[in-house]
N, C-alpha and C. Protein backbone atom coordinates (compact mmCIF):
# COMPACT_ATOMS: atom_id res chain seq x y z
N THR A 1 113.67 192.08 -8.63
CA THR A 1 112.56 192.80 -9.32
C THR A 1 112.17 193.41 -9.31
N LYS A 2 111.76 194.85 -9.73
CA LYS A 2 110.49 195.92 -9.44
C LYS A 2 109.89 195.64 -10.96
N VAL A 3 108.62 196.10 -10.69
CA VAL A 3 107.82 196.01 -11.98
C VAL A 3 106.99 197.10 -11.95
N ARG A 4 106.48 197.43 -12.62
CA ARG A 4 105.61 199.27 -13.12
C ARG A 4 104.36 198.81 -14.14
N VAL A 5 103.47 198.71 -13.59
CA VAL A 5 102.84 198.41 -14.31
C VAL A 5 101.32 199.98 -14.73
N ARG A 6 101.72 200.56 -15.72
CA ARG A 6 100.95 201.83 -16.24
C ARG A 6 99.70 201.80 -17.38
N VAL A 7 98.52 201.94 -17.06
CA VAL A 7 97.58 201.94 -17.78
C VAL A 7 96.15 202.43 -17.51
N GLU A 8 95.84 203.08 -18.80
CA GLU A 8 94.56 204.03 -18.73
C GLU A 8 93.78 203.30 -19.49
N GLU A 9 92.84 202.80 -18.67
CA GLU A 9 91.58 201.49 -19.73
C GLU A 9 90.83 201.99 -18.84
N THR A 10 89.17 202.09 -19.31
CA THR A 10 88.24 201.91 -18.83
C THR A 10 87.39 200.94 -18.04
N THR A 11 86.60 200.78 -17.27
CA THR A 11 85.58 199.38 -17.32
C THR A 11 85.82 197.83 -18.17
N VAL A 12 86.64 197.09 -18.52
CA VAL A 12 86.45 195.78 -19.18
C VAL A 12 86.61 195.07 -18.16
N HIS A 13 85.30 193.79 -18.62
CA HIS A 13 85.27 192.30 -17.93
C HIS A 13 85.67 191.58 -19.35
N ARG A 14 86.28 190.96 -19.18
CA ARG A 14 86.56 190.32 -20.08
C ARG A 14 86.45 188.48 -19.63
N THR A 15 86.31 188.13 -20.92
CA THR A 15 85.87 186.08 -20.27
C THR A 15 87.43 185.87 -20.40
N ALA A 16 87.00 184.56 -19.91
CA ALA A 16 88.58 183.15 -19.43
C ALA A 16 88.56 183.65 -20.80
N GLY A 17 87.61 183.04 -21.61
CA GLY A 17 88.33 182.60 -22.71
C GLY A 17 89.16 184.07 -23.53
N HIS A 18 89.00 185.23 -23.55
CA HIS A 18 89.99 186.54 -23.74
C HIS A 18 90.99 186.82 -22.76
N ILE A 19 91.34 186.47 -22.15
CA ILE A 19 91.67 186.24 -20.94
C ILE A 19 93.24 185.34 -21.93
N ILE A 20 93.01 183.98 -21.80
CA ILE A 20 93.34 182.97 -21.69
C ILE A 20 94.28 183.06 -22.94
N ALA A 21 93.09 183.80 -24.54
CA ALA A 21 94.22 184.08 -25.87
C ALA A 21 95.22 185.06 -25.47
N MET A 22 95.13 185.82 -25.03
CA MET A 22 95.80 187.14 -24.58
C MET A 22 97.60 186.86 -23.69
N ILE A 23 97.26 185.41 -22.77
CA ILE A 23 98.40 184.68 -21.81
C ILE A 23 99.25 184.18 -23.78
N GLU A 24 98.44 183.45 -24.26
CA GLU A 24 99.16 182.98 -25.33
C GLU A 24 99.48 183.22 -26.78
N GLU A 25 99.30 185.08 -26.75
CA GLU A 25 99.89 185.62 -28.37
C GLU A 25 100.77 186.08 -27.57
N ALA A 26 100.86 186.14 -26.01
CA ALA A 26 101.64 187.16 -25.09
C ALA A 26 103.34 186.27 -25.82
N ASP A 27 104.41 187.35 -25.98
CA ASP A 27 105.52 186.86 -25.85
C ASP A 27 106.28 186.07 -24.05
N LEU A 28 105.76 185.49 -23.62
CA LEU A 28 106.38 185.29 -22.53
C LEU A 28 107.42 183.88 -22.34
N PRO A 29 107.87 183.57 -21.90
CA PRO A 29 108.84 181.98 -21.69
C PRO A 29 107.45 180.82 -21.69
N ASP A 30 108.05 179.84 -21.40
CA ASP A 30 106.88 179.21 -21.92
C ASP A 30 106.44 178.58 -20.36
N ARG A 31 107.39 178.69 -19.25
CA ARG A 31 107.05 178.18 -17.94
C ARG A 31 106.20 179.27 -17.31
N VAL A 32 106.46 180.63 -17.74
CA VAL A 32 105.80 181.58 -17.15
C VAL A 32 104.50 181.31 -17.49
N MET A 33 104.18 181.21 -19.36
CA MET A 33 102.74 181.23 -19.77
C MET A 33 101.99 180.09 -19.10
N GLN A 34 102.37 178.96 -19.09
CA GLN A 34 102.06 177.87 -18.31
C GLN A 34 101.58 178.36 -17.19
N ARG A 35 102.38 178.72 -16.24
CA ARG A 35 102.05 179.21 -15.20
C ARG A 35 100.41 180.21 -14.75
N ALA A 36 100.34 180.90 -15.83
CA ALA A 36 99.72 182.35 -16.05
C ALA A 36 97.91 181.96 -16.82
N LEU A 37 98.38 180.25 -17.09
CA LEU A 37 97.46 180.08 -18.01
C LEU A 37 96.97 179.05 -16.81
N ALA A 38 97.30 178.43 -16.13
CA ALA A 38 96.66 177.73 -15.14
C ALA A 38 96.42 178.61 -13.71
N VAL A 39 96.66 179.64 -13.44
CA VAL A 39 96.17 180.31 -12.66
C VAL A 39 95.01 180.81 -13.28
N PHE A 40 94.33 181.42 -14.00
CA PHE A 40 93.37 181.98 -15.09
C PHE A 40 92.39 180.40 -15.10
N GLY A 41 93.24 179.64 -15.41
CA GLY A 41 92.38 178.67 -15.93
C GLY A 41 91.42 177.62 -14.23
N ALA A 42 92.43 177.87 -13.45
CA ALA A 42 91.63 177.38 -12.17
C ALA A 42 90.76 178.49 -11.36
N LEU A 43 90.48 179.66 -11.90
CA LEU A 43 89.72 180.42 -11.55
C LEU A 43 88.88 180.68 -12.35
N ALA A 44 88.40 180.28 -13.35
CA ALA A 44 87.74 179.99 -14.06
C ALA A 44 86.39 178.74 -13.96
N GLU A 45 86.77 177.30 -13.71
CA GLU A 45 87.08 176.55 -13.49
C GLU A 45 85.72 176.73 -11.66
N VAL A 46 86.38 177.58 -11.06
CA VAL A 46 86.05 177.71 -9.82
C VAL A 46 84.37 178.63 -10.35
N GLU A 47 84.88 179.52 -10.96
CA GLU A 47 84.00 180.54 -11.03
C GLU A 47 82.84 180.11 -12.36
N GLY A 48 83.34 179.26 -12.84
CA GLY A 48 81.85 178.56 -13.98
C GLY A 48 81.17 177.38 -13.17
N ARG A 49 81.66 176.41 -11.99
CA ARG A 49 80.86 175.87 -12.05
C ARG A 49 79.92 176.51 -10.62
N LEU A 50 80.84 178.15 -9.87
CA LEU A 50 79.55 178.92 -9.08
C LEU A 50 78.59 179.83 -9.69
N HIS A 51 78.95 179.98 -10.91
CA HIS A 51 77.35 180.52 -12.21
C HIS A 51 77.21 179.16 -12.70
N GLN A 52 76.88 178.18 -12.89
CA GLN A 52 76.78 177.00 -13.31
C GLN A 52 77.32 177.43 -15.39
N ARG A 53 78.40 177.77 -15.36
CA ARG A 53 78.88 177.93 -17.15
C ARG A 53 79.90 177.71 -17.28
N PRO A 54 79.99 177.59 -18.81
CA PRO A 54 81.80 176.74 -18.80
C PRO A 54 82.62 177.94 -18.89
N PRO A 55 83.63 176.92 -18.27
CA PRO A 55 84.57 178.18 -18.36
C PRO A 55 85.27 179.50 -18.96
N SER A 56 85.06 178.87 -20.18
CA SER A 56 85.35 180.29 -20.93
C SER A 56 84.16 181.29 -21.46
N GLN A 57 83.23 181.29 -20.72
CA GLN A 57 82.12 181.57 -20.52
C GLN A 57 82.50 182.61 -19.27
N VAL A 58 82.44 182.79 -18.98
CA VAL A 58 83.47 183.21 -17.52
C VAL A 58 83.84 184.35 -17.81
N HIS A 59 83.21 185.27 -17.01
CA HIS A 59 83.39 187.06 -16.84
C HIS A 59 83.89 187.03 -15.24
N PHE A 60 85.17 188.11 -15.91
CA PHE A 60 86.39 188.27 -14.60
C PHE A 60 85.91 189.71 -14.26
N HIS A 61 85.87 190.40 -12.88
CA HIS A 61 85.29 191.40 -13.06
C HIS A 61 87.53 192.41 -12.70
N GLU A 62 87.08 192.72 -11.34
CA GLU A 62 88.73 192.76 -10.93
C GLU A 62 89.60 192.29 -11.52
N VAL A 63 89.50 190.87 -11.95
CA VAL A 63 90.78 190.11 -11.73
C VAL A 63 91.01 190.17 -13.98
N GLY A 64 90.24 190.67 -14.58
CA GLY A 64 90.12 190.75 -15.88
C GLY A 64 90.65 191.73 -15.68
N ALA A 65 90.72 192.91 -15.27
CA ALA A 65 92.00 194.49 -15.72
C ALA A 65 93.32 194.30 -16.07
N LEU A 66 94.14 194.59 -16.45
CA LEU A 66 94.96 194.85 -17.48
C LEU A 66 96.19 195.32 -16.73
N ASP A 67 96.22 195.69 -15.12
CA ASP A 67 96.99 195.46 -14.17
C ASP A 67 96.89 194.37 -13.79
N SER A 68 96.04 193.46 -13.55
CA SER A 68 95.81 192.17 -12.65
C SER A 68 95.89 191.15 -13.70
N ILE A 69 96.21 191.24 -15.37
CA ILE A 69 96.30 190.38 -15.84
C ILE A 69 98.15 189.84 -15.49
N VAL A 70 98.95 191.41 -16.12
CA VAL A 70 100.13 191.58 -16.26
C VAL A 70 101.05 190.76 -14.68
């Protein structure tokens, strides 16, 4: 499978909560959605511990870019 992603986006720092909401609103097969939520949830947990913040308030930089989310 080959996927090409083109996005024109300025730098946007999204919170884990925002990314999780984007995934939940996407039209994805359940298995794909659950895996994506697990990946971003795990990243948010670790970042939250490192920065002493709740996972939903963690700001993602490179990982929050649309091409990374896709």
